[in-house]
Amino acid sequence: ADVSSYDTATDTWDPLPPMPETREHCAAGAINGKLYVGGGRTHTLTELRPKTWEFDPVAETYQEMEPIPTPRGGVAGAAFGNRLFVFGGEGNMDSPQGVFDNVEAFDPATNSWETFAPLDVPRHGMQAAVLGDRIYVPGGANRQGGGAFNASSVFYFE
């Protein structure tokens, strides 16, 4: 549940109030001055965290938001178009590989999640980066707990 912030001017880390629950392998992004955290897990690959959290850095408080429709850990995330996008993940009990192909986005303005077309290859452990009007999702693994895979996806929205 530990949270800290990095000050680029002083090159120091400062502790923040802990999250209301433990969380790892999640997605986070800043939207309109607040930080949003979605997806993730705790303790084991399949102990998933469905709650979405909003952190207000001015008040230093957390607010519970609409839960993610498909809880999963080992996700990639990107803040884009005032939404937090969450890609792939692991902990899928319905898949022999244990991974997800889901793409979902949280909209803080409506406190709701939207589902998008799935990843072309289900995977976890990758990253996401925004460049211009696209989200790039390179690499990852195609089976739970490992299985590095040479795949990349590019998402753009009209």
N, C-alpha and C. Protein backbone atom coordinates (compact mmCIF):
# COMPACT_ATOMS: atom_id res chain seq x y z
N ALA A 1 0.82 -1.21 0.00
CA ALA A 1 0.00 0.00 0.00
C ALA A 1 0.86 1.27 0.00
N ASP A 2 2.19 1.11 -0.02
CA ASP A 2 3.09 2.27 0.03
C ASP A 2 2.99 3.09 -1.25
N VAL A 3 2.99 4.41 -1.07
CA VAL A 3 2.95 5.35 -2.19
C VAL A 3 3.94 6.47 -1.88
N SER A 4 4.66 6.90 -2.91
CA SER A 4 5.58 8.03 -2.73
C SER A 4 5.61 8.84 -4.02
N SER A 5 6.11 10.07 -3.90
CA SER A 5 6.22 10.94 -5.07
C SER A 5 7.67 11.38 -5.21
N TYR A 6 8.06 11.59 -6.47
CA TYR A 6 9.42 12.01 -6.76
C TYR A 6 9.42 13.48 -7.14
N ASP A 7 10.28 14.25 -6.49
CA ASP A 7 10.43 15.68 -6.76
C ASP A 7 11.65 15.87 -7.65
N THR A 8 11.41 16.25 -8.90
CA THR A 8 12.52 16.38 -9.85
C THR A 8 13.44 17.55 -9.50
N ALA A 9 12.90 18.57 -8.85
CA ALA A 9 13.73 19.74 -8.50
C ALA A 9 14.74 19.43 -7.42
N THR A 10 14.34 18.61 -6.43
CA THR A 10 15.23 18.30 -5.32
C THR A 10 15.84 16.90 -5.39
N ASP A 11 15.43 16.12 -6.39
CA ASP A 11 15.91 14.75 -6.55
C ASP A 11 15.67 13.92 -5.29
N THR A 12 14.45 14.05 -4.74
CA THR A 12 14.10 13.32 -3.52
C THR A 12 12.74 12.64 -3.68
N TRP A 13 12.56 11.60 -2.88
CA TRP A 13 11.28 10.89 -2.79
C TRP A 13 10.59 11.28 -1.50
N ASP A 14 9.29 11.51 -1.57
CA ASP A 14 8.51 11.86 -0.39
C ASP A 14 7.37 10.86 -0.22
N PRO A 15 7.16 10.39 1.02
CA PRO A 15 6.04 9.46 1.24
C PRO A 15 4.70 10.17 1.12
N LEU A 16 3.71 9.46 0.62
CA LEU A 16 2.33 9.93 0.55
C LEU A 16 1.47 9.01 1.40
N PRO A 17 0.22 9.38 1.64
CA PRO A 17 -0.65 8.47 2.39
C PRO A 17 -0.75 7.12 1.67
N PRO A 18 -0.76 6.02 2.42
CA PRO A 18 -0.85 4.71 1.78
C PRO A 18 -2.20 4.52 1.09
N MET A 19 -2.19 3.68 0.05
CA MET A 19 -3.45 3.33 -0.62
C MET A 19 -4.35 2.60 0.37
N PRO A 20 -5.65 2.63 0.16
CA PRO A 20 -6.57 1.92 1.05
C PRO A 20 -6.41 0.41 1.01
N GLU A 21 -5.70 -0.13 0.01
CA GLU A 21 -5.46 -1.56 -0.08
C GLU A 21 -4.12 -1.79 -0.77
N THR A 22 -3.53 -2.96 -0.54
CA THR A 22 -2.28 -3.28 -1.22
C THR A 22 -2.54 -3.48 -2.70
N ARG A 23 -1.52 -3.19 -3.52
CA ARG A 23 -1.69 -3.27 -4.98
C ARG A 23 -0.32 -3.35 -5.63
N GLU A 24 -0.19 -4.22 -6.62
CA GLU A 24 1.01 -4.30 -7.44
C GLU A 24 0.61 -4.67 -8.86
N HIS A 25 1.54 -4.50 -9.81
CA HIS A 25 1.31 -4.86 -11.22
C HIS A 25 0.02 -4.24 -11.75
N CYS A 26 -0.16 -2.96 -11.46
CA CYS A 26 -1.37 -2.23 -11.86
C CYS A 26 -1.03 -1.16 -12.90
N ALA A 27 -2.06 -0.47 -13.35
CA ALA A 27 -1.90 0.66 -14.27
C ALA A 27 -2.21 1.93 -13.51
N ALA A 28 -1.51 3.02 -13.84
CA ALA A 28 -1.77 4.31 -13.21
C ALA A 28 -1.51 5.41 -14.23
N GLY A 29 -2.24 6.51 -14.09
CA GLY A 29 -2.04 7.64 -14.98
C GLY A 29 -2.65 8.90 -14.42
N ALA A 30 -2.04 10.02 -14.75
CA ALA A 30 -2.52 11.33 -14.30
C ALA A 30 -3.48 11.89 -15.34
N ILE A 31 -4.65 12.33 -14.86
CA ILE A 31 -5.69 12.91 -15.71
C ILE A 31 -6.28 14.10 -14.96
N ASN A 32 -6.17 15.27 -15.57
CA ASN A 32 -6.73 16.50 -14.99
C ASN A 32 -6.32 16.72 -13.54
N GLY A 33 -5.04 16.52 -13.26
CA GLY A 33 -4.49 16.82 -11.94
C GLY A 33 -4.71 15.77 -10.87
N LYS A 34 -5.29 14.63 -11.23
CA LYS A 34 -5.48 13.55 -10.26
C LYS A 34 -4.87 12.28 -10.83
N LEU A 35 -4.51 11.36 -9.93
CA LEU A 35 -3.91 10.10 -10.32
C LEU A 35 -4.95 9.00 -10.21
N TYR A 36 -5.03 8.15 -11.25
CA TYR A 36 -5.98 7.04 -11.26
C TYR A 36 -5.21 5.73 -11.31
N VAL A 37 -5.68 4.75 -10.52
CA VAL A 37 -5.04 3.44 -10.44
C VAL A 37 -6.11 2.40 -10.74
N GLY A 38 -5.83 1.52 -11.73
CA GLY A 38 -6.77 0.47 -12.09
C GLY A 38 -6.06 -0.84 -12.32
N GLY A 39 -6.78 -1.92 -12.13
CA GLY A 39 -6.20 -3.24 -12.30
C GLY A 39 -5.19 -3.53 -11.22
N GLY A 40 -4.52 -4.65 -11.35
CA GLY A 40 -3.49 -5.04 -10.39
C GLY A 40 -3.90 -6.22 -9.54
N ARG A 41 -2.97 -6.60 -8.69
CA ARG A 41 -3.18 -7.77 -7.84
C ARG A 41 -2.42 -7.58 -6.53
N THR A 42 -2.53 -8.59 -5.68
CA THR A 42 -1.77 -8.60 -4.44
C THR A 42 -1.46 -10.05 -4.06
N HIS A 43 -0.34 -10.26 -3.50
CA HIS A 43 0.11 -11.55 -2.96
C HIS A 43 0.33 -12.65 -3.99
N THR A 44 -0.65 -12.98 -4.86
CA THR A 44 -0.50 -14.06 -5.84
C THR A 44 -0.96 -13.60 -7.21
N LEU A 45 -0.64 -14.37 -8.26
CA LEU A 45 -1.02 -14.02 -9.63
C LEU A 45 -2.52 -13.91 -9.83
N THR A 46 -3.29 -14.67 -9.05
CA THR A 46 -4.74 -14.68 -9.26
C THR A 46 -5.52 -13.95 -8.16
N GLU A 47 -4.84 -13.29 -7.25
CA GLU A 47 -5.51 -12.50 -6.21
C GLU A 47 -5.67 -11.07 -6.74
N LEU A 48 -6.67 -10.89 -7.58
CA LEU A 48 -6.84 -9.66 -8.36
C LEU A 48 -7.58 -8.58 -7.58
N ARG A 49 -7.30 -7.33 -7.94
CA ARG A 49 -7.91 -6.17 -7.29
C ARG A 49 -8.84 -5.45 -8.28
N PRO A 50 -10.15 -5.52 -8.10
CA PRO A 50 -11.08 -4.87 -9.02
C PRO A 50 -11.28 -3.37 -8.78
N LYS A 51 -10.99 -2.89 -7.58
CA LYS A 51 -11.29 -1.49 -7.28
C LYS A 51 -10.41 -0.53 -8.08
N THR A 52 -11.02 0.58 -8.48
CA THR A 52 -10.31 1.67 -9.14
C THR A 52 -10.21 2.80 -8.12
N TRP A 53 -9.05 3.45 -8.05
CA TRP A 53 -8.84 4.51 -7.08
C TRP A 53 -8.46 5.82 -7.76
N GLU A 54 -8.97 6.90 -7.21
CA GLU A 54 -8.58 8.26 -7.61
C GLU A 54 -7.81 8.86 -6.44
N PHE A 55 -6.61 9.38 -6.72
CA PHE A 55 -5.83 10.05 -5.69
C PHE A 55 -5.76 11.53 -6.01
N ASP A 56 -6.16 12.36 -5.05
CA ASP A 56 -6.10 13.82 -5.18
C ASP A 56 -4.82 14.28 -4.48
N PRO A 57 -3.81 14.75 -5.24
CA PRO A 57 -2.54 15.12 -4.62
C PRO A 57 -2.62 16.39 -3.78
N VAL A 58 -3.62 17.23 -3.99
CA VAL A 58 -3.76 18.44 -3.17
C VAL A 58 -4.31 18.08 -1.79
N ALA A 59 -5.41 17.33 -1.77
CA ALA A 59 -6.02 16.92 -0.49
C ALA A 59 -5.32 15.70 0.10
N GLU A 60 -4.51 15.00 -0.72
CA GLU A 60 -3.85 13.75 -0.32
C GLU A 60 -4.86 12.73 0.20
N THR A 61 -5.93 12.54 -0.60
CA THR A 61 -6.98 11.59 -0.26
C THR A 61 -7.27 10.67 -1.44
N TYR A 62 -7.81 9.50 -1.11
CA TYR A 62 -8.22 8.52 -2.11
C TYR A 62 -9.74 8.46 -2.15
N GLN A 63 -10.26 8.23 -3.36
CA GLN A 63 -11.70 8.01 -3.51
C GLN A 63 -11.88 6.77 -4.36
N GLU A 64 -12.75 5.87 -3.90
CA GLU A 64 -13.04 4.67 -4.68
C GLU A 64 -13.93 5.03 -5.85
N MET A 65 -13.57 4.51 -7.02
CA MET A 65 -14.32 4.78 -8.25
C MET A 65 -14.92 3.46 -8.76
N GLU A 66 -15.55 3.51 -9.94
CA GLU A 66 -16.16 2.32 -10.54
C GLU A 66 -15.09 1.23 -10.73
N PRO A 67 -15.38 -0.03 -10.33
CA PRO A 67 -14.37 -1.08 -10.48
C PRO A 67 -14.14 -1.45 -11.95
N ILE A 68 -12.96 -1.94 -12.23
CA ILE A 68 -12.61 -2.38 -13.58
C ILE A 68 -13.47 -3.60 -13.93
N PRO A 69 -14.02 -3.66 -15.15
CA PRO A 69 -14.88 -4.79 -15.52
C PRO A 69 -14.15 -6.14 -15.52
N THR A 70 -12.86 -6.12 -15.90
CA THR A 70 -12.09 -7.36 -15.97
C THR A 70 -10.85 -7.22 -15.09
N PRO A 71 -10.97 -7.59 -13.80
CA PRO A 71 -9.81 -7.48 -12.91
C PRO A 71 -8.67 -8.37 -13.41
N ARG A 72 -7.44 -7.82 -13.36
CA ARG A 72 -6.26 -8.56 -13.78
C ARG A 72 -5.00 -7.84 -13.34
N GLY A 73 -3.90 -8.57 -13.23
CA GLY A 73 -2.61 -8.01 -12.87
C GLY A 73 -1.65 -8.12 -14.04
N GLY A 74 -0.47 -7.55 -13.90
CA GLY A 74 0.53 -7.61 -14.95
C GLY A 74 0.13 -6.85 -16.20
N VAL A 75 -0.63 -5.78 -16.01
CA VAL A 75 -1.19 -5.00 -17.12
C VAL A 75 -0.23 -3.91 -17.58
N ALA A 76 -0.54 -3.35 -18.75
CA ALA A 76 0.09 -2.11 -19.20
C ALA A 76 -0.98 -1.03 -19.11
N GLY A 77 -0.56 0.20 -18.86
CA GLY A 77 -1.52 1.29 -18.76
C GLY A 77 -0.99 2.57 -19.37
N ALA A 78 -1.92 3.40 -19.84
CA ALA A 78 -1.56 4.69 -20.42
C ALA A 78 -2.70 5.67 -20.24
N ALA A 79 -2.37 6.89 -19.83
CA ALA A 79 -3.35 7.97 -19.78
C ALA A 79 -3.38 8.62 -21.16
N PHE A 80 -4.57 8.61 -21.79
CA PHE A 80 -4.70 9.12 -23.16
C PHE A 80 -6.13 9.61 -23.35
N GLY A 81 -6.28 10.81 -23.91
CA GLY A 81 -7.62 11.34 -24.16
C GLY A 81 -8.48 11.45 -22.91
N ASN A 82 -7.86 11.83 -21.79
CA ASN A 82 -8.54 11.96 -20.50
C ASN A 82 -9.16 10.66 -20.00
N ARG A 83 -8.55 9.53 -20.39
CA ARG A 83 -8.97 8.21 -19.91
C ARG A 83 -7.73 7.40 -19.54
N LEU A 84 -7.90 6.47 -18.62
CA LEU A 84 -6.84 5.53 -18.26
C LEU A 84 -7.10 4.22 -18.99
N PHE A 85 -6.23 3.89 -19.95
CA PHE A 85 -6.35 2.65 -20.70
C PHE A 85 -5.58 1.55 -19.98
N VAL A 86 -6.17 0.35 -19.94
CA VAL A 86 -5.55 -0.82 -19.34
C VAL A 86 -5.53 -1.93 -20.38
N PHE A 87 -4.34 -2.49 -20.62
CA PHE A 87 -4.13 -3.49 -21.67
C PHE A 87 -3.69 -4.82 -21.08
N GLY A 88 -4.30 -5.92 -21.60
CA GLY A 88 -3.86 -7.27 -21.28
C GLY A 88 -3.84 -7.58 -19.80
N GLY A 89 -2.93 -8.48 -19.42
CA GLY A 89 -2.75 -8.85 -18.02
C GLY A 89 -2.73 -10.35 -17.84
N GLU A 90 -2.50 -10.76 -16.60
CA GLU A 90 -2.49 -12.19 -16.27
C GLU A 90 -3.38 -12.45 -15.07
N GLY A 91 -3.63 -13.75 -14.81
CA GLY A 91 -4.54 -14.15 -13.75
C GLY A 91 -5.86 -14.65 -14.31
N ASN A 92 -5.90 -14.96 -15.62
CA ASN A 92 -7.13 -15.38 -16.29
C ASN A 92 -7.37 -16.87 -16.06
N MET A 93 -8.27 -17.18 -15.16
CA MET A 93 -8.59 -18.58 -14.82
C MET A 93 -9.32 -19.30 -15.96
N ASP A 94 -9.85 -18.55 -16.93
CA ASP A 94 -10.59 -19.14 -18.04
C ASP A 94 -9.71 -19.42 -19.26
N SER A 95 -8.42 -19.13 -19.17
CA SER A 95 -7.51 -19.33 -20.29
C SER A 95 -6.41 -20.31 -19.91
N PRO A 96 -6.11 -21.29 -20.78
CA PRO A 96 -5.01 -22.23 -20.47
C PRO A 96 -3.67 -21.51 -20.30
N GLN A 97 -3.48 -20.37 -20.98
CA GLN A 97 -2.23 -19.60 -20.87
C GLN A 97 -2.26 -18.68 -19.65
N GLY A 98 -3.46 -18.41 -19.11
CA GLY A 98 -3.60 -17.55 -17.94
C GLY A 98 -3.52 -16.07 -18.22
N VAL A 99 -3.60 -15.65 -19.51
CA VAL A 99 -3.46 -14.24 -19.84
C VAL A 99 -4.75 -13.68 -20.47
N PHE A 100 -4.83 -12.36 -20.47
CA PHE A 100 -5.99 -11.64 -21.00
C PHE A 100 -5.62 -10.89 -22.27
N ASP A 101 -6.62 -10.70 -23.13
CA ASP A 101 -6.46 -9.85 -24.31
C ASP A 101 -7.28 -8.57 -24.18
N ASN A 102 -7.86 -8.33 -23.02
CA ASN A 102 -8.78 -7.21 -22.82
C ASN A 102 -8.11 -5.85 -22.94
N VAL A 103 -8.87 -4.90 -23.49
CA VAL A 103 -8.50 -3.49 -23.52
C VAL A 103 -9.70 -2.72 -23.00
N GLU A 104 -9.50 -2.01 -21.89
CA GLU A 104 -10.57 -1.24 -21.26
C GLU A 104 -10.02 0.12 -20.87
N ALA A 105 -10.92 1.12 -20.80
CA ALA A 105 -10.48 2.47 -20.44
C ALA A 105 -11.44 3.07 -19.42
N PHE A 106 -10.86 3.71 -18.41
CA PHE A 106 -11.64 4.38 -17.38
C PHE A 106 -11.75 5.87 -17.71
N ASP A 107 -12.97 6.38 -17.65
CA ASP A 107 -13.24 7.80 -17.89
C ASP A 107 -13.63 8.45 -16.57
N PRO A 108 -12.76 9.26 -15.97
CA PRO A 108 -13.08 9.88 -14.69
C PRO A 108 -14.28 10.83 -14.76
N ALA A 109 -14.51 11.45 -15.92
CA ALA A 109 -15.61 12.40 -16.05
C ALA A 109 -16.98 11.72 -15.86
N THR A 110 -17.07 10.45 -16.24
CA THR A 110 -18.33 9.72 -16.10
C THR A 110 -18.25 8.59 -15.08
N ASN A 111 -17.06 8.42 -14.46
CA ASN A 111 -16.83 7.32 -13.52
C ASN A 111 -17.29 5.99 -14.11
N SER A 112 -16.82 5.73 -15.33
CA SER A 112 -17.24 4.50 -16.00
C SER A 112 -16.09 3.93 -16.84
N TRP A 113 -16.21 2.65 -17.14
CA TRP A 113 -15.25 1.93 -17.97
C TRP A 113 -15.87 1.64 -19.32
N GLU A 114 -15.05 1.68 -20.37
CA GLU A 114 -15.47 1.32 -21.71
C GLU A 114 -14.58 0.19 -22.21
N THR A 115 -15.18 -0.77 -22.92
CA THR A 115 -14.44 -1.89 -23.48
C THR A 115 -14.13 -1.63 -24.94
N PHE A 116 -12.91 -1.92 -25.34
CA PHE A 116 -12.45 -1.74 -26.72
C PHE A 116 -12.10 -3.09 -27.33
N ALA A 117 -11.80 -3.11 -28.62
CA ALA A 117 -11.37 -4.34 -29.29
C ALA A 117 -10.17 -4.91 -28.54
N PRO A 118 -10.06 -6.24 -28.48
CA PRO A 118 -8.98 -6.86 -27.71
C PRO A 118 -7.62 -6.71 -28.38
N LEU A 119 -6.58 -6.99 -27.59
CA LEU A 119 -5.22 -7.08 -28.12
C LEU A 119 -5.19 -8.14 -29.21
N ASP A 120 -4.34 -7.96 -30.19
CA ASP A 120 -4.20 -8.97 -31.24
C ASP A 120 -3.60 -10.26 -30.70
N VAL A 121 -2.78 -10.17 -29.67
CA VAL A 121 -2.20 -11.33 -29.00
C VAL A 121 -2.38 -11.13 -27.50
N PRO A 122 -3.07 -12.06 -26.80
CA PRO A 122 -3.20 -11.93 -25.35
C PRO A 122 -1.81 -11.96 -24.71
N ARG A 123 -1.56 -11.01 -23.80
CA ARG A 123 -0.25 -10.99 -23.15
C ARG A 123 -0.27 -10.13 -21.88
N HIS A 124 0.81 -10.23 -21.13
CA HIS A 124 0.99 -9.47 -19.89
C HIS A 124 2.45 -9.05 -19.81
N GLY A 125 2.76 -8.24 -18.80
CA GLY A 125 4.14 -7.86 -18.56
C GLY A 125 4.73 -6.94 -19.60
N MET A 126 3.89 -6.24 -20.33
CA MET A 126 4.38 -5.31 -21.34
C MET A 126 4.24 -3.88 -20.81
N GLN A 127 4.60 -2.93 -21.61
CA GLN A 127 4.47 -1.52 -21.25
C GLN A 127 3.60 -0.82 -22.28
N ALA A 128 3.20 0.39 -21.98
CA ALA A 128 2.44 1.21 -22.93
C ALA A 128 3.02 2.61 -22.90
N ALA A 129 3.08 3.23 -24.07
CA ALA A 129 3.59 4.59 -24.17
C ALA A 129 2.75 5.38 -25.16
N VAL A 130 2.49 6.63 -24.82
CA VAL A 130 1.73 7.52 -25.70
C VAL A 130 2.72 8.37 -26.48
N LEU A 131 2.53 8.40 -27.78
CA LEU A 131 3.33 9.25 -28.65
C LEU A 131 2.38 9.83 -29.69
N GLY A 132 2.18 11.14 -29.64
CA GLY A 132 1.23 11.78 -30.54
C GLY A 132 -0.18 11.29 -30.29
N ASP A 133 -0.82 10.80 -31.34
CA ASP A 133 -2.21 10.35 -31.21
C ASP A 133 -2.32 8.83 -31.15
N ARG A 134 -1.27 8.16 -30.67
CA ARG A 134 -1.27 6.70 -30.61
C ARG A 134 -0.74 6.19 -29.27
N ILE A 135 -1.20 4.98 -28.91
CA ILE A 135 -0.66 4.27 -27.75
C ILE A 135 0.08 3.05 -28.29
N TYR A 136 1.35 2.94 -27.94
CA TYR A 136 2.18 1.81 -28.37
C TYR A 136 2.30 0.82 -27.21
N VAL A 137 2.06 -0.46 -27.51
CA VAL A 137 2.12 -1.51 -26.50
C VAL A 137 3.08 -2.59 -26.99
N PRO A 138 4.38 -2.46 -26.68
CA PRO A 138 5.36 -3.42 -27.16
C PRO A 138 5.62 -4.56 -26.17
N GLY A 139 6.01 -5.71 -26.73
CA GLY A 139 6.49 -6.83 -25.94
C GLY A 139 5.47 -7.51 -25.07
N GLY A 140 5.97 -8.17 -24.04
CA GLY A 140 5.13 -8.89 -23.10
C GLY A 140 5.38 -10.38 -23.13
N ALA A 141 4.54 -11.11 -22.44
CA ALA A 141 4.64 -12.57 -22.37
C ALA A 141 3.27 -13.16 -22.67
N ASN A 142 3.26 -14.30 -23.36
CA ASN A 142 1.99 -14.88 -23.79
C ASN A 142 1.49 -16.01 -22.89
N ARG A 143 2.15 -16.23 -21.75
CA ARG A 143 1.62 -17.17 -20.76
C ARG A 143 1.92 -16.64 -19.36
N GLN A 144 1.03 -16.97 -18.46
CA GLN A 144 1.13 -16.47 -17.09
C GLN A 144 2.46 -16.89 -16.46
N GLY A 145 3.09 -15.93 -15.78
CA GLY A 145 4.33 -16.22 -15.07
C GLY A 145 5.57 -16.22 -15.94
N GLY A 146 5.44 -15.93 -17.22
CA GLY A 146 6.62 -15.93 -18.09
C GLY A 146 6.21 -16.03 -19.55
N GLY A 147 7.10 -16.56 -20.38
CA GLY A 147 6.80 -16.78 -21.78
C GLY A 147 6.98 -15.56 -22.65
N ALA A 148 8.16 -14.91 -22.60
CA ALA A 148 8.42 -13.71 -23.40
C ALA A 148 7.98 -13.94 -24.83
N PHE A 149 7.38 -12.90 -25.41
CA PHE A 149 6.77 -13.02 -26.73
C PHE A 149 7.09 -11.77 -27.52
N ASN A 150 7.42 -11.93 -28.78
CA ASN A 150 7.77 -10.81 -29.64
C ASN A 150 6.51 -10.30 -30.35
N ALA A 151 5.75 -9.44 -29.69
CA ALA A 151 4.54 -8.87 -30.27
C ALA A 151 4.46 -7.41 -29.89
N SER A 152 3.85 -6.63 -30.75
CA SER A 152 3.63 -5.21 -30.48
C SER A 152 2.28 -4.81 -31.05
N SER A 153 1.65 -3.82 -30.43
CA SER A 153 0.37 -3.31 -30.89
C SER A 153 0.42 -1.78 -30.88
N VAL A 154 -0.31 -1.19 -31.79
CA VAL A 154 -0.46 0.27 -31.82
C VAL A 154 -1.95 0.57 -31.85
N PHE A 155 -2.40 1.45 -30.95
CA PHE A 155 -3.80 1.81 -30.88
C PHE A 155 -3.96 3.28 -31.19
N TYR A 156 -4.94 3.61 -31.98
CA TYR A 156 -5.31 5.00 -32.21
C TYR A 156 -6.82 5.08 -32.30
N PHE A 157 -7.36 6.22 -31.91
CA PHE A 157 -8.80 6.38 -31.76
C PHE A 157 -9.24 7.60 -32.54
N GLU A 158 -10.33 7.47 -33.29
CA GLU A 158 -10.85 8.57 -34.09
C GLU A 158 -12.07 9.18 -33.42
